C-alpha atoms as a PDB file:
ATOM      1  CA  MET A   1    -155.480 -80.766 144.550  1.00  0.00           C
ATOM      2  CA  LYS A   2    -154.615 -84.316 143.753  1.00  0.00           C
ATOM      3  CA  ILE A   3    -154.875 -85.062 147.804  1.00  0.00           C
ATOM      4  CA  ASP A   4    -157.378 -83.874 150.393  1.00  0.00           C
ATOM      5  CA  PRO A   5    -157.628 -85.809 153.368  1.00  0.00           C
ATOM      6  CA  ILE A   6    -161.377 -84.628 153.897  1.00  0.00           C
ATOM      7  CA  LEU A   7    -162.312 -85.260 150.369  1.00  0.00           C
ATOM      8  CA  ALA A   8    -160.945 -89.072 150.968  1.00  0.00           C
ATOM      9  CA  GLU A   9    -163.517 -89.811 153.640  1.00  0.00           C
ATOM     10  CA  ILE A  10    -166.123 -88.071 152.066  1.00  0.00           C
ATOM     11  CA  LYS A  11    -166.343 -90.676 149.515  1.00  0.00           C
ATOM     12  CA  GLN A  12    -166.319 -93.245 152.118  1.00  0.00           C
ATOM     13  CA  ASN A  13    -169.388 -91.759 153.355  1.00  0.00           C
ATOM     14  CA  THR A  14    -173.023 -92.653 152.603  1.00  0.00           C
ATOM     15  CA  THR A  15    -174.493 -89.491 153.808  1.00  0.00           C
ATOM     16  CA  SER A  16    -172.378 -87.010 152.181  1.00  0.00           C
ATOM     17  CA  LEU A  17    -173.737 -83.442 151.265  1.00  0.00           C
ATOM     18  CA  PRO A  18    -173.430 -81.836 147.976  1.00  0.00           C
ATOM     19  CA  TYR A  19    -170.104 -79.363 147.784  1.00  0.00           C
ATOM     20  CA  ALA A  20    -172.311 -76.283 147.139  1.00  0.00           C
ATOM     21  CA  LEU A  21    -173.893 -76.611 150.563  1.00  0.00           C
ATOM     22  CA  TRP A  22    -170.407 -78.046 152.133  1.00  0.00           C
ATOM     23  CA  GLU A  23    -169.309 -74.553 151.046  1.00  0.00           C
ATOM     24  CA  GLN A  24    -172.389 -72.948 152.363  1.00  0.00           C
ATOM     25  CA  ILE A  25    -171.608 -74.496 155.673  1.00  0.00           C
ATOM     26  CA  GLY A  26    -168.389 -72.962 155.746  1.00  0.00           C
ATOM     27  CA  PHE A  27    -165.905 -75.360 154.538  1.00  0.00           C
ATOM     28  CA  ARG A  28    -163.531 -74.279 151.646  1.00  0.00           C
ATOM     29  CA  PHE A  29    -161.964 -76.479 148.708  1.00  0.00           C
ATOM     30  CA  GLY A  30    -159.751 -75.928 145.741  1.00  0.00           C
ATOM     31  CA  ASP A  31    -156.171 -75.435 144.968  1.00  0.00           C
ATOM     32  CA  LYS A  32    -155.422 -73.019 147.199  1.00  0.00           C
ATOM     33  CA  GLY A  33    -154.547 -71.970 150.725  1.00  0.00           C
ATOM     34  CA  THR A  34    -153.891 -69.348 153.002  1.00  0.00           C
ATOM     35  CA  HIS A  35    -150.697 -70.809 154.163  1.00  0.00           C
ATOM     36  CA  THR A  36    -148.992 -69.608 151.600  1.00  0.00           C
ATOM     37  CA  SER A  37    -148.905 -66.281 153.102  1.00  0.00           C
ATOM     38  CA  ARG A  38    -150.318 -67.041 156.742  1.00  0.00           C
ATOM     39  CA  THR A  39    -150.269 -69.288 159.716  1.00  0.00           C
ATOM     40  CA  ILE A  40    -153.604 -69.833 161.709  1.00  0.00           C
ATOM     41  CA  MET A  41    -153.196 -66.485 163.097  1.00  0.00           C
ATOM     42  CA  LEU A  42    -153.962 -67.253 166.654  1.00  0.00           C
ATOM     43  CA  GLU A  43    -153.291 -64.526 168.394  1.00  0.00           C
ATOM     44  CA  GLU A  44    -154.961 -62.325 166.264  1.00  0.00           C
ATOM     45  CA  LEU A  45    -158.277 -64.096 166.303  1.00  0.00           C
ATOM     46  CA  SER A  46    -157.919 -64.144 170.382  1.00  0.00           C
ATOM     47  CA  LEU A  47    -157.828 -60.408 170.102  1.00  0.00           C
ATOM     48  CA  LEU A  48    -160.480 -60.093 167.126  1.00  0.00           C
ATOM     49  CA  LEU A  49    -162.927 -61.952 169.306  1.00  0.00           C
ATOM     50  CA  ARG A  50    -162.359 -60.203 172.621  1.00  0.00           C
ATOM     51  CA  GLU A  51    -162.437 -57.230 170.914  1.00  0.00           C
ATOM     52  CA  CYS A  52    -166.006 -58.121 169.321  1.00  0.00           C
ATOM     53  CA  ALA A  53    -169.013 -58.658 171.034  1.00  0.00           C
ATOM     54  CA  GLU A  54    -170.244 -62.731 170.915  1.00  0.00           C
ATOM     55  CA  ASN A  55    -173.265 -61.688 168.477  1.00  0.00           C
ATOM     56  CA  ALA A  56    -170.802 -59.461 166.364  1.00  0.00           C
ATOM     57  CA  THR A  57    -172.142 -59.665 162.833  1.00  0.00           C
ATOM     58  CA  ARG A  58    -169.624 -59.974 159.875  1.00  0.00           C
ATOM     59  CA  ASP A  59    -169.466 -56.162 159.168  1.00  0.00           C
ATOM     60  CA  ASP A  60    -168.424 -55.563 163.154  1.00  0.00           C
ATOM     61  CA  TYR A  61    -165.353 -57.822 162.508  1.00  0.00           C
ATOM     62  CA  VAL A  62    -164.434 -56.183 159.716  1.00  0.00           C
ATOM     63  CA  THR A  63    -164.388 -53.038 161.189  1.00  0.00           C
ATOM     64  CA  ALA A  64    -162.781 -53.955 164.230  1.00  0.00           C
ATOM     65  CA  ILE A  65    -159.579 -55.109 162.113  1.00  0.00           C
ATOM     66  CA  VAL A  66    -159.975 -52.168 159.654  1.00  0.00           C
ATOM     67  CA  ASP A  67    -161.157 -49.132 160.875  1.00  0.00           C
ATOM     68  CA  ASN A  68    -160.505 -49.693 164.795  1.00  0.00           C
ATOM     69  CA  ASN A  69    -157.395 -51.220 164.056  1.00  0.00           C
ATOM     70  CA  CYS A  70    -157.945 -53.325 167.016  1.00  0.00           C
ATOM     71  CA  LEU A  71    -155.033 -55.790 166.008  1.00  0.00           C
ATOM     72  CA  GLY A  72    -152.667 -53.250 166.251  1.00  0.00           C
ATOM     73  CA  LYS A  73    -151.280 -53.556 162.625  1.00  0.00           C
ATOM     74  CA  ARG A  74    -148.914 -50.691 161.116  1.00  0.00           C
ATOM     75  CA  THR A  75    -150.895 -49.620 157.919  1.00  0.00           C
ATOM     76  CA  ALA A  76    -154.513 -49.318 156.272  1.00  0.00           C
ATOM     77  CA  ALA A  77    -152.905 -51.877 153.271  1.00  0.00           C
ATOM     78  CA  THR A  78    -152.173 -54.765 156.300  1.00  0.00           C
ATOM     79  CA  ARG A  79    -155.200 -54.180 157.882  1.00  0.00           C
ATOM     80  CA  ARG A  80    -157.206 -54.731 154.947  1.00  0.00           C
ATOM     81  CA  LEU A  81    -155.257 -57.566 153.847  1.00  0.00           C
ATOM     82  CA  THR A  82    -155.174 -59.300 157.809  1.00  0.00           C
ATOM     83  CA  SER A  83    -159.188 -59.045 157.549  1.00  0.00           C
ATOM     84  CA  GLN A  84    -158.868 -60.563 153.832  1.00  0.00           C
ATOM     85  CA  ARG A  85    -157.002 -63.782 155.355  1.00  0.00           C
ATOM     86  CA  MET A  86    -158.388 -63.999 158.765  1.00  0.00           C
ATOM     87  CA  ARG A  87    -162.111 -64.497 156.982  1.00  0.00           C
ATOM     88  CA  GLU A  88    -160.444 -66.969 154.413  1.00  0.00           C
ATOM     89  CA  LEU A  89    -159.271 -69.235 157.660  1.00  0.00           C
ATOM     90  CA  TYR A  90    -162.382 -68.157 159.574  1.00  0.00           C
ATOM     91  CA  GLY A  91    -165.127 -67.366 157.780  1.00  0.00           C
ATOM     92  CA  LEU A  92    -165.633 -64.136 160.471  1.00  0.00           C
ATOM     93  CA  ASP A  93    -169.226 -64.248 159.927  1.00  0.00           C
ATOM     94  CA  PRO A  94    -172.383 -65.647 161.796  1.00  0.00           C
ATOM     95  CA  SER A  95    -174.003 -66.796 158.684  1.00  0.00           C
ATOM     96  CA  LEU A  96    -171.380 -69.608 158.170  1.00  0.00           C
ATOM     97  CA  LEU A  97    -172.288 -72.434 160.288  1.00  0.00           C
ATOM     98  CA  ILE A  98    -168.839 -73.412 161.504  1.00  0.00           C
ATOM     99  CA  PHE A  99    -167.942 -70.051 162.116  1.00  0.00           C
ATOM    100  CA  ARG A 100    -170.710 -70.037 164.117  1.00  0.00           C
ATOM    101  CA  VAL A 101    -170.759 -72.753 166.227  1.00  0.00           C
ATOM    102  CA  LEU A 102    -166.622 -72.337 166.689  1.00  0.00           C
ATOM    103  CA  ARG A 103    -167.799 -68.712 167.931  1.00  0.00           C
ATOM    104  CA  TYR A 104    -169.991 -70.370 170.707  1.00  0.00           C
ATOM    105  CA  CYS A 105    -167.591 -72.768 171.388  1.00  0.00           C
ATOM    106  CA  TRP A 106    -164.917 -70.745 171.550  1.00  0.00           C
ATOM    107  CA  TYR A 107    -166.720 -68.389 174.504  1.00  0.00           C
ATOM    108  CA  ALA A 108    -167.427 -71.738 176.344  1.00  0.00           C
ATOM    109  CA  ASP A 109    -164.048 -72.992 176.154  1.00  0.00           C
ATOM    110  CA  GLU A 110    -160.952 -71.024 176.646  1.00  0.00           C
ATOM    111  CA  LYS A 111    -158.189 -73.849 176.670  1.00  0.00           C
ATOM    112  CA  GLY A 112    -159.864 -75.529 173.693  1.00  0.00           C
ATOM    113  CA  ARG A 113    -159.521 -72.274 172.121  1.00  0.00           C
ATOM    114  CA  PRO A 114    -156.086 -73.944 170.171  1.00  0.00           C
ATOM    115  CA  LEU A 115    -157.402 -76.577 169.278  1.00  0.00           C
ATOM    116  CA  LEU A 116    -160.531 -74.818 167.884  1.00  0.00           C
ATOM    117  CA  ALA A 117    -158.852 -72.342 165.641  1.00  0.00           C
ATOM    118  CA  LEU A 118    -156.770 -75.170 164.105  1.00  0.00           C
ATOM    119  CA  LEU A 119    -159.806 -77.806 163.753  1.00  0.00           C
ATOM    120  CA  THR A 120    -161.971 -74.642 161.880  1.00  0.00           C
ATOM    121  CA  ALA A 121    -158.609 -73.884 159.290  1.00  0.00           C
ATOM    122  CA  LEU A 122    -158.078 -77.390 158.409  1.00  0.00           C
ATOM    123  CA  ALA A 123    -161.954 -77.153 157.518  1.00  0.00           C
ATOM    124  CA  ARG A 124    -161.341 -73.665 155.317  1.00  0.00           C
ATOM    125  CA  ASP A 125    -157.490 -73.970 154.262  1.00  0.00           C
ATOM    126  CA  PRO A 126    -156.869 -76.795 151.686  1.00  0.00           C
ATOM    127  CA  LEU A 127    -153.160 -76.846 151.548  1.00  0.00           C
ATOM    128  CA  LEU A 128    -153.272 -76.430 155.691  1.00  0.00           C
ATOM    129  CA  ARG A 129    -155.325 -80.253 155.231  1.00  0.00           C
ATOM    130  CA  VAL A 130    -152.491 -81.215 153.248  1.00  0.00           C
ATOM    131  CA  THR A 131    -149.585 -81.310 156.019  1.00  0.00           C
ATOM    132  CA  SER A 132    -151.764 -82.528 158.572  1.00  0.00           C
ATOM    133  CA  LEU A 133    -150.835 -86.124 156.937  1.00  0.00           C
ATOM    134  CA  PRO A 134    -147.150 -86.280 158.142  1.00  0.00           C
ATOM    135  CA  ILE A 135    -147.999 -84.346 161.275  1.00  0.00           C
ATOM    136  CA  LEU A 136    -150.704 -87.009 162.293  1.00  0.00           C
ATOM    137  CA  ARG A 137    -147.878 -90.007 161.282  1.00  0.00           C
ATOM    138  CA  MET A 138    -145.510 -88.709 164.234  1.00  0.00           C
ATOM    139  CA  GLN A 139    -144.990 -89.949 167.400  1.00  0.00           C
ATOM    140  CA  PRO A 140    -144.649 -88.170 170.529  1.00  0.00           C
ATOM    141  CA  GLY A 141    -141.082 -86.909 170.837  1.00  0.00           C
ATOM    142  CA  GLU A 142    -140.227 -87.109 167.246  1.00  0.00           C
ATOM    143  CA  GLU A 143    -138.616 -84.541 165.179  1.00  0.00           C
ATOM    144  CA  MET A 144    -140.652 -83.163 162.342  1.00  0.00           C
ATOM    145  CA  VAL A 145    -138.584 -83.373 158.835  1.00  0.00           C
ATOM    146  CA  ARG A 146    -139.120 -80.522 156.784  1.00  0.00           C
ATOM    147  CA  GLN A 147    -139.194 -82.555 153.487  1.00  0.00           C
ATOM    148  CA  GLN A 148    -141.812 -85.032 153.904  1.00  0.00           C
ATOM    149  CA  MET A 149    -144.160 -82.100 154.274  1.00  0.00           C
ATOM    150  CA  ILE A 150    -142.515 -80.583 150.970  1.00  0.00           C
ATOM    151  CA  ASN A 151    -142.891 -84.343 149.833  1.00  0.00           C
ATOM    152  CA  ILE A 152    -146.300 -84.307 150.525  1.00  0.00           C
ATOM    153  CA  LEU A 153    -147.179 -80.656 149.331  1.00  0.00           C
ATOM    154  CA  ARG A 154    -145.489 -81.009 145.659  1.00  0.00           C
ATOM    155  CA  GLU A 155    -147.210 -84.209 145.648  1.00  0.00           C
ATOM    156  CA  SER A 156    -150.458 -82.297 146.227  1.00  0.00           C
ATOM    157  CA  THR A 157    -150.201 -79.043 144.276  1.00  0.00           C
ATOM    158  CA  GLY A 158    -148.146 -80.463 141.314  1.00  0.00           C
ATOM    159  CA  SER A 159    -146.301 -77.602 139.968  1.00  0.00           C
ATOM    160  CA  ARG A 160    -148.365 -75.027 141.045  1.00  0.00           C
ATOM    161  CA  LEU A 161    -146.329 -73.903 144.051  1.00  0.00           C
ATOM    162  CA  ASN A 162    -142.853 -73.033 143.122  1.00  0.00           C
ATOM    163  CA  ASP A 163    -140.115 -73.898 145.999  1.00  0.00           C
ATOM    164  CA  SER A 164    -139.952 -70.628 147.608  1.00  0.00           C
ATOM    165  CA  THR A 165    -143.760 -70.939 148.095  1.00  0.00           C
ATOM    166  CA  LEU A 166    -143.510 -74.682 149.342  1.00  0.00           C
ATOM    167  CA  ASP A 167    -140.838 -73.385 151.920  1.00  0.00           C
ATOM    168  CA  LYS A 168    -143.180 -70.556 153.017  1.00  0.00           C
ATOM    169  CA  VAL A 169    -146.066 -73.047 153.121  1.00  0.00           C
ATOM    170  CA  VAL A 170    -143.962 -75.510 155.289  1.00  0.00           C
ATOM    171  CA  ARG A 171    -142.605 -72.616 157.516  1.00  0.00           C
ATOM    172  CA  ASN A 172    -146.280 -71.536 158.219  1.00  0.00           C
ATOM    173  CA  ALA A 173    -148.046 -74.920 158.481  1.00  0.00           C
ATOM    174  CA  SER A 174    -145.122 -75.638 161.092  1.00  0.00           C
ATOM    175  CA  SER A 175    -146.439 -72.500 162.955  1.00  0.00           C
ATOM    176  CA  SER A 176    -149.680 -73.340 162.972  1.00  0.00           C
ATOM    177  CA  TRP A 177    -149.336 -76.687 164.480  1.00  0.00           C
ATOM    178  CA  THR A 178    -146.760 -75.186 166.916  1.00  0.00           C
ATOM    179  CA  GLN A 179    -149.422 -72.906 167.666  1.00  0.00           C
ATOM    180  CA  SER A 180    -152.220 -75.254 168.703  1.00  0.00           C
ATOM    181  CA  GLY A 181    -149.845 -77.485 170.754  1.00  0.00           C
ATOM    182  CA  HIS A 182    -148.832 -80.455 168.026  1.00  0.00           C
ATOM    183  CA  LEU A 183    -145.545 -79.482 167.851  1.00  0.00           C
ATOM    184  CA  LYS A 184    -143.241 -77.407 170.323  1.00  0.00           C
ATOM    185  CA  GLY A 185    -139.701 -75.771 169.803  1.00  0.00           C
ATOM    186  CA  ARG A 186    -138.467 -72.840 167.993  1.00  0.00           C
ATOM    187  CA  VAL A 187    -135.989 -74.258 165.336  1.00  0.00           C
ATOM    188  CA  ARG A 188    -136.229 -78.098 165.964  1.00  0.00           C
ATOM    189  CA  LYS A 189    -140.078 -78.874 166.147  1.00  0.00           C
ATOM    190  CA  ILE A 190    -140.858 -82.108 167.956  1.00  0.00           C
ATOM    191  CA  ARG A 191    -144.033 -84.024 168.032  1.00  0.00           C
ATOM    192  CA  GLN A 192    -146.536 -83.522 171.078  1.00  0.00           C
ATOM    193  CA  LYS A 193    -149.288 -84.997 172.171  1.00  0.00           C
ATOM    194  CA  VAL A 194    -152.772 -82.621 173.025  1.00  0.00           C
ATOM    195  CA  GLU A 195    -155.486 -82.837 175.380  1.00  0.00           C
ATOM    196  CA  PRO A 196    -158.784 -82.114 173.990  1.00  0.00           C
ATOM    197  CA  THR A 197    -161.363 -80.818 176.439  1.00  0.00           C
ATOM    198  CA  PRO A 198    -165.168 -81.938 175.812  1.00  0.00           C
ATOM    199  CA  VAL A 199    -166.132 -78.640 174.066  1.00  0.00           C
ATOM    200  CA  VAL A 200    -163.190 -79.503 171.272  1.00  0.00           C
ATOM    201  CA  THR A 201    -164.362 -83.101 171.103  1.00  0.00           C
ATOM    202  CA  ALA A 202    -167.923 -81.946 170.358  1.00  0.00           C
ATOM    203  CA  TYR A 203    -166.672 -79.333 167.400  1.00  0.00           C
ATOM    204  CA  ALA A 204    -164.632 -82.125 165.779  1.00  0.00           C
ATOM    205  CA  LEU A 205    -167.690 -84.676 165.979  1.00  0.00           C
ATOM    206  CA  LEU A 206    -169.700 -81.508 164.670  1.00  0.00           C
ATOM    207  CA  LEU A 207    -166.984 -81.264 161.943  1.00  0.00           C
ATOM    208  CA  GLY A 208    -167.217 -84.974 161.057  1.00  0.00           C
ATOM    209  CA  TYR A 209    -171.112 -84.949 161.002  1.00  0.00           C
ATOM    210  CA  LEU A 210    -171.144 -82.335 158.803  1.00  0.00           C
ATOM    211  CA  LEU A 211    -169.025 -84.322 156.224  1.00  0.00           C
ATOM    212  CA  GLY A 212    -171.085 -87.384 156.200  1.00  0.00           C
ATOM    213  CA  ALA A 213    -169.490 -89.548 159.352  1.00  0.00           C
ATOM    214  CA  ARG A 214    -171.797 -91.044 161.842  1.00  0.00           C
ATOM    215  CA  GLY A 215    -171.721 -93.143 164.692  1.00  0.00           C
ATOM    216  CA  LEU A 216    -168.248 -94.789 165.809  1.00  0.00           C
ATOM    217  CA  GLY A 217    -167.125 -93.212 162.152  1.00  0.00           C
ATOM    218  CA  LEU A 218    -166.969 -89.917 163.897  1.00  0.00           C
ATOM    219  CA  PHE A 219    -164.283 -90.742 166.177  1.00  0.00           C
ATOM    220  CA  LYS A 220    -162.277 -92.185 163.012  1.00  0.00           C
ATOM    221  CA  THR A 221    -162.477 -88.765 160.720  1.00  0.00           C
ATOM    222  CA  LEU A 222    -159.276 -86.584 160.615  1.00  0.00           C
ATOM    223  CA  TRP A 223    -160.811 -83.662 163.094  1.00  0.00           C
ATOM    224  CA  ALA A 224    -160.756 -86.701 165.310  1.00  0.00           C
ATOM    225  CA  LYS A 225    -157.487 -87.907 164.459  1.00  0.00           C
ATOM    226  CA  VAL A 226    -155.885 -84.178 165.425  1.00  0.00           C
ATOM    227  CA  LEU A 227    -157.293 -85.076 168.601  1.00  0.00           C
ATOM    228  CA  ASP A 228    -154.063 -87.404 169.849  1.00  0.00           C
ATOM    229  CA  THR A 229    -156.665 -89.406 171.806  1.00  0.00           C
ATOM    230  CA  PRO A 230    -158.121 -92.979 171.188  1.00  0.00           C
ATOM    231  CA  SER A 231    -161.731 -93.283 170.321  1.00  0.00           C
ATOM    232  CA  GLU A 232    -162.583 -94.844 173.663  1.00  0.00           C
ATOM    233  CA  GLU A 233    -161.327 -91.703 175.678  1.00  0.00           C
ATOM    234  CA  LEU A 234    -162.676 -89.596 172.805  1.00  0.00           C
ATOM    235  CA  VAL A 235    -166.361 -91.108 173.593  1.00  0.00           C
ATOM    236  CA  SER A 236    -165.998 -90.360 177.235  1.00  0.00           C
ATOM    237  CA  LEU A 237    -165.026 -86.430 176.359  1.00  0.00           C
ATOM    238  CA  ALA A 238    -168.267 -86.710 174.061  1.00  0.00           C
ATOM    239  CA  VAL A 239    -170.280 -87.873 177.154  1.00  0.00           C
ATOM    240  CA  ASP A 240    -169.075 -84.995 179.109  1.00  0.00           C
ATOM    241  CA  ALA A 241    -170.038 -82.359 175.971  1.00  0.00           C
ATOM    242  CA  LYS A 242    -173.534 -83.921 176.494  1.00  0.00           C
ATOM    243  CA  ARG A 243    -173.444 -82.996 180.284  1.00  0.00           C
ATOM    244  CA  LEU A 244    -172.628 -79.345 178.913  1.00  0.00           C
ATOM    245  CA  GLY A 245    -175.421 -79.471 176.630  1.00  0.00           C
ATOM    246  CA  PHE A 246    -173.371 -79.730 173.222  1.00  0.00           C
ATOM    247  CA  LEU A 247    -174.330 -82.808 171.923  1.00  0.00           C
ATOM    248  CA  ASP A 248    -176.641 -85.903 172.430  1.00  0.00           C
ATOM    249  CA  ILE A 249    -175.057 -89.159 172.627  1.00  0.00           C
ATOM    250  CA  ASN A 250    -176.589 -92.810 173.370  1.00  0.00           C
ATOM    251  CA  TYR A 251    -173.979 -95.765 173.862  1.00  0.00           C
ATOM    252  CA  SER A 252    -174.959 -99.312 174.468  1.00  0.00           C
ATOM    253  CA  GLY A 253    -173.989-102.801 173.028  1.00  0.00           C
ATOM    254  CA  GLY A 254    -171.057-101.357 171.044  1.00  0.00           C
ATOM    255  CA  ILE A 255    -173.679 -99.053 168.883  1.00  0.00           C
ATOM    256  CA  ILE A 256    -173.607 -95.165 169.561  1.00  0.00           C
ATOM    257  CA  GLU A 257    -175.170 -92.666 168.132  1.00  0.00           C
ATOM    258  CA  ILE A 258    -174.547 -89.188 168.173  1.00  0.00           C
ATOM    259  CA  SER A 259    -176.832 -85.831 167.551  1.00  0.00           C
ATOM    260  CA  VAL A 260    -175.034 -82.613 166.965  1.00  0.00           C
ATOM    261  CA  ASP A 261    -178.435 -81.083 167.263  1.00  0.00           C
ATOM    262  CA  PRO A 262    -177.742 -79.408 170.163  1.00  0.00           C
ATOM    263  CA  MET A 263    -175.022 -77.136 168.704  1.00  0.00           C
ATOM    264  CA  LEU A 264    -177.176 -75.907 165.344  1.00  0.00           C
ATOM    265  CA  THR A 265    -179.867 -73.800 165.086  1.00  0.00           C
ATOM    266  CA  GLU A 266    -183.295 -74.595 163.953  1.00  0.00           C
ATOM    267  CA  ASP A 267    -182.340 -73.168 160.154  1.00  0.00           C
ATOM    268  CA  GLU A 268    -179.199 -75.339 159.918  1.00  0.00           C
ATOM    269  CA  ARG A 269    -181.131 -78.722 161.065  1.00  0.00           C
ATOM    270  CA  ARG A 270    -183.470 -78.229 158.420  1.00  0.00           C
ATOM    271  CA  LEU A 271    -180.779 -77.101 155.436  1.00  0.00           C
ATOM    272  CA  ILE A 272    -178.331 -80.047 156.339  1.00  0.00           C
ATOM    273  CA  ARG A 273    -181.280 -82.912 156.525  1.00  0.00           C
ATOM    274  CA  GLU A 274    -182.793 -81.129 153.520  1.00  0.00           C
END
């Protein structure tokens, strides 16, 4: 793709990891995206994680969707396709660091679930990431202009997507940003400010950390920008997240140090450091 917001961030960070490791962690790159056919499917994700145990395996999620039809799909083909699309967006595999931590945060923070879903989908769908550019430029109360999103997608994908597919991506992405709380309205989509929780803030900082950001740079990544909150307020939320046991933070004399180790297993810490 010609444009990918997180690839631009990676180039600015000196502690970046190899692409293969990012993919092993759970990030996805390339020129394809689930939003050609689906939204972030917040309702489906909510139903699935409510149906399955907190320690469910990858096979458990597939079984719940395809065999047990926990999402209420009419045909076996639709169930299989839904399982595939949800795995594209979320991984649905606790061996993937991003999904494992998403699940941990999900059960700890019901209020933050829409933003947790969006942050994860942004990590895994390059097309959705591109649509973040016009969304984040909007001010609260401003109406979304479809053509702006179409233009940025066309610039990113070139001639790969025809006009009909671009229209589907815009429609699905608009719905996703509505599900996350960034937009409201059925026909006219109006920008509104979201309110992150401490747990959501910790998860956003984790994603930035995995992409190589450190210190104050963690509050300037795409993941932080999606939270619609000034850096000083995010620092305060991060302090609250520390009290909840999600991260460690030291802030003194304008210097900030953040460790996401409390959210990681020993194997994950070793993987990142090596």
